[in-house]
C-alpha atoms as a PDB file:
ATOM      1  CA  MET A   1       0.000   0.000   0.000  1.00  0.00           C
ATOM      2  CA  PRO A   2       1.445   3.432  -0.903  1.00  0.00           C
ATOM      3  CA  ALA A   3       2.423   5.726   1.952  1.00  0.00           C
ATOM      4  CA  PHE A   4      -0.099   8.442   1.016  1.00  0.00           C
ATOM      5  CA  ALA A   5      -2.969   5.939   1.337  1.00  0.00           C
ATOM      6  CA  LYS A   6      -2.177   5.521   5.043  1.00  0.00           C
ATOM      7  CA  ASN A   7      -2.849   9.216   5.687  1.00  0.00           C
ATOM      8  CA  PRO A   8      -6.119   9.691   7.643  1.00  0.00           C
ATOM      9  CA  LYS A   9      -7.101  12.639   5.405  1.00  0.00           C
ATOM     10  CA  VAL A  10      -6.971  10.380   2.338  1.00  0.00           C
ATOM     11  CA  ILE A  11      -8.976   7.641   4.039  1.00  0.00           C
ATOM     12  CA  ILE A  12     -11.682  10.032   5.291  1.00  0.00           C
ATOM     13  CA  GLY A  13     -11.754  11.864   1.951  1.00  0.00           C
ATOM     14  CA  THR A  14     -12.224   8.580   0.102  1.00  0.00           C
ATOM     15  CA  ILE A  15     -15.089   7.575   2.395  1.00  0.00           C
ATOM     16  CA  VAL A  16     -16.799  10.956   1.889  1.00  0.00           C
ATOM     17  CA  VAL A  17     -16.401  10.818  -1.907  1.00  0.00           C
ATOM     18  CA  LEU A  18     -17.780   7.272  -2.045  1.00  0.00           C
ATOM     19  CA  TRP A  19     -20.719   8.265   0.183  1.00  0.00           C
ATOM     20  CA  VAL A  20     -21.550  11.294  -2.005  1.00  0.00           C
ATOM     21  CA  ALA A  21     -21.349   9.115  -5.124  1.00  0.00           C
ATOM     22  CA  TYR A  22     -23.715   6.606  -3.484  1.00  0.00           C
ATOM     23  CA  VAL A  23     -26.195   9.338  -2.493  1.00  0.00           C
ATOM     24  CA  ILE A  24     -26.238  10.734  -6.029  1.00  0.00           C
ATOM     25  CA  TYR A  25     -26.539   7.275  -7.606  1.00  0.00           C
ATOM     26  CA  ALA A  26     -29.268   6.095  -5.205  1.00  0.00           C
ATOM     27  CA  ASN A  27     -31.334   9.226  -5.773  1.00  0.00           C
ATOM     28  CA  PHE A  28     -30.892   9.382  -9.534  1.00  0.00           C
ATOM     29  CA  GLN A  29     -34.157   7.545 -10.165  1.00  0.00           C
ATOM     30  CA  PRO A  30     -36.874   9.763 -11.629  1.00  0.00           C
ATOM     31  CA  LYS A  31     -38.395  10.734  -8.292  1.00  0.00           C
ATOM     32  CA  MET A  32     -40.006  14.131  -8.530  1.00  0.00           C
ATOM     33  CA  VAL A  33     -40.024  16.874  -5.918  1.00  0.00           C
ATOM     34  CA  ASP A  34     -42.982  19.276  -5.932  1.00  0.00           C
ATOM     35  CA  PHE A  35     -42.355  22.960  -5.230  1.00  0.00           C
ATOM     36  CA  TYR A  36     -45.565  24.896  -4.656  1.00  0.00           C
ATOM     37  CA  LEU A  37     -44.695  28.376  -5.914  1.00  0.00           C
ATOM     38  CA  LEU A  38     -48.076  30.044  -5.428  1.00  0.00           C
ATOM     39  CA  PRO A  39     -51.041  29.046  -3.266  1.00  0.00           C
ATOM     40  CA  PHE A  40     -53.437  28.664  -6.201  1.00  0.00           C
ATOM     41  CA  GLY A  41     -51.907  25.726  -8.007  1.00  0.00           C
ATOM     42  CA  VAL A  42     -48.582  26.734  -9.572  1.00  0.00           C
ATOM     43  CA  VAL A  43     -46.428  23.675  -9.002  1.00  0.00           C
ATOM     44  CA  LEU A  44     -42.858  23.192 -10.190  1.00  0.00           C
ATOM     45  CA  GLN A  45     -41.688  19.568 -10.436  1.00  0.00           C
ATOM     46  CA  ILE A  46     -37.946  18.911 -10.319  1.00  0.00           C
ATOM     47  CA  LYS A  47     -36.063  15.615 -10.205  1.00  0.00           C
ATOM     48  CA  LEU A  48     -34.549  14.820  -6.818  1.00  0.00           C
ATOM     49  CA  SER A  49     -31.105  14.336  -8.316  1.00  0.00           C
ATOM     50  CA  SER A  50     -31.265  17.867  -9.756  1.00  0.00           C
ATOM     51  CA  VAL A  51     -32.062  19.250  -6.310  1.00  0.00           C
ATOM     52  CA  ILE A  52     -29.097  17.388  -4.770  1.00  0.00           C
ATOM     53  CA  ILE A  53     -26.665  18.453  -7.494  1.00  0.00           C
ATOM     54  CA  GLY A  54     -27.934  22.043  -7.348  1.00  0.00           C
ATOM     55  CA  ALA A  55     -27.493  22.124  -3.571  1.00  0.00           C
ATOM     56  CA  ALA A  56     -23.937  20.803  -3.899  1.00  0.00           C
ATOM     57  CA  ILE A  57     -23.046  23.414  -6.522  1.00  0.00           C
ATOM     58  CA  PHE A  58     -24.636  26.194  -4.440  1.00  0.00           C
ATOM     59  CA  GLY A  59     -22.740  25.047  -1.343  1.00  0.00           C
ATOM     60  CA  ALA A  60     -19.417  24.962  -3.189  1.00  0.00           C
ATOM     61  CA  VAL A  61     -19.919  28.422  -4.718  1.00  0.00           C
ATOM     62  CA  ALA A  62     -21.096  29.893  -1.405  1.00  0.00           C
ATOM     63  CA  THR A  63     -18.046  28.438   0.356  1.00  0.00           C
ATOM     64  CA  ILE A  64     -15.656  29.906  -2.228  1.00  0.00           C
ATOM     65  CA  VAL A  65     -17.317  33.345  -2.075  1.00  0.00           C
ATOM     66  CA  ILE A  66     -17.325  33.420   1.736  1.00  0.00           C
ATOM     67  CA  HIS A  67     -13.678  32.336   1.814  1.00  0.00           C
ATOM     68  CA  TRP A  68     -12.788  35.089  -0.684  1.00  0.00           C
ATOM     69  CA  LEU A  69     -14.679  37.708   1.346  1.00  0.00           C
ATOM     70  CA  TRP A  70     -13.051  36.516   4.561  1.00  0.00           C
ATOM     71  CA  THR A  71      -9.447  36.547   3.293  1.00  0.00           C
ATOM     72  CA  ARG A  72      -9.387  39.684   1.139  1.00  0.00           C
ATOM     73  CA  PRO A  73      -7.539  42.672   2.570  1.00  0.00           C
ATOM     74  CA  SER A  74      -9.583  45.224   4.434  1.00  0.00           C
ATOM     75  CA  ASN A  75      -9.931  48.774   3.112  1.00  0.00           C
ATOM     76  CA  SER A  76     -10.334  50.221   6.604  1.00  0.00           C
ATOM     77  CA  VAL A  77      -6.583  50.497   7.245  1.00  0.00           C
ATOM     78  CA  SER A  78      -5.629  53.836   8.778  1.00  0.00           C
ATOM     79  CA  PRO A  79      -3.145  55.904   6.699  1.00  0.00           C
ATOM     80  CA  ALA A  80      -1.144  56.597   9.890  1.00  0.00           C
ATOM     81  CA  ALA A  81      -0.538  52.871  10.315  1.00  0.00           C
ATOM     82  CA  THR A  82       1.377  52.540   7.048  1.00  0.00           C
ATOM     83  CA  ALA A  83       5.112  53.213   7.012  1.00  0.00           C
ATOM     84  CA  PRO A  84       6.207  56.337   5.116  1.00  0.00           C
ATOM     85  CA  VAL A  85       8.515  55.950   2.129  1.00  0.00           C
ATOM     86  CA  SER A  86      11.955  57.375   2.831  1.00  0.00           C
ATOM     87  CA  PRO A  87      13.018  60.011   0.256  1.00  0.00           C
ATOM     88  CA  SER A  88      16.713  59.031   0.533  1.00  0.00           C
ATOM     89  CA  ASN A  89      16.109  55.759  -1.367  1.00  0.00           C
ATOM     90  CA  PRO A  90      14.117  56.562  -4.507  1.00  0.00           C
ATOM     91  CA  PRO A  91      12.643  53.565  -6.329  1.00  0.00           C
ATOM     92  CA  ARG A  92      14.764  52.284  -9.192  1.00  0.00           C
ATOM     93  CA  SER A  93      13.389  51.411 -12.574  1.00  0.00           C
ATOM     94  CA  ASN A  94      14.041  48.025 -14.116  1.00  0.00           C
ATOM     95  CA  THR A  95      14.664  49.372 -17.604  1.00  0.00           C
ATOM     96  CA  VAL A  96      18.098  49.179 -19.163  1.00  0.00           C
ATOM     97  CA  ALA A  97      19.563  52.516 -20.330  1.00  0.00           C
END
């Protein structure tokens, strides 16, 4: 057995992937889910597998967006907190004369 396969993260990840594949496969039959949009008879029927796949895609996108919002730099940094640029060392250009 390769060394990476003994890592607990790989084992747990494999179990989760196999479980998700089973859930999608087991629910792929044409079972319909009824969404009642309005009280007077407007019904939207969607396959259960579409609901599961849509929820997974929404969860992945929401996680990526929240992670991006959480890790981006804040614009509320005070100008006094930044270090001033010393005039004795002007920036050099990278062009060749």
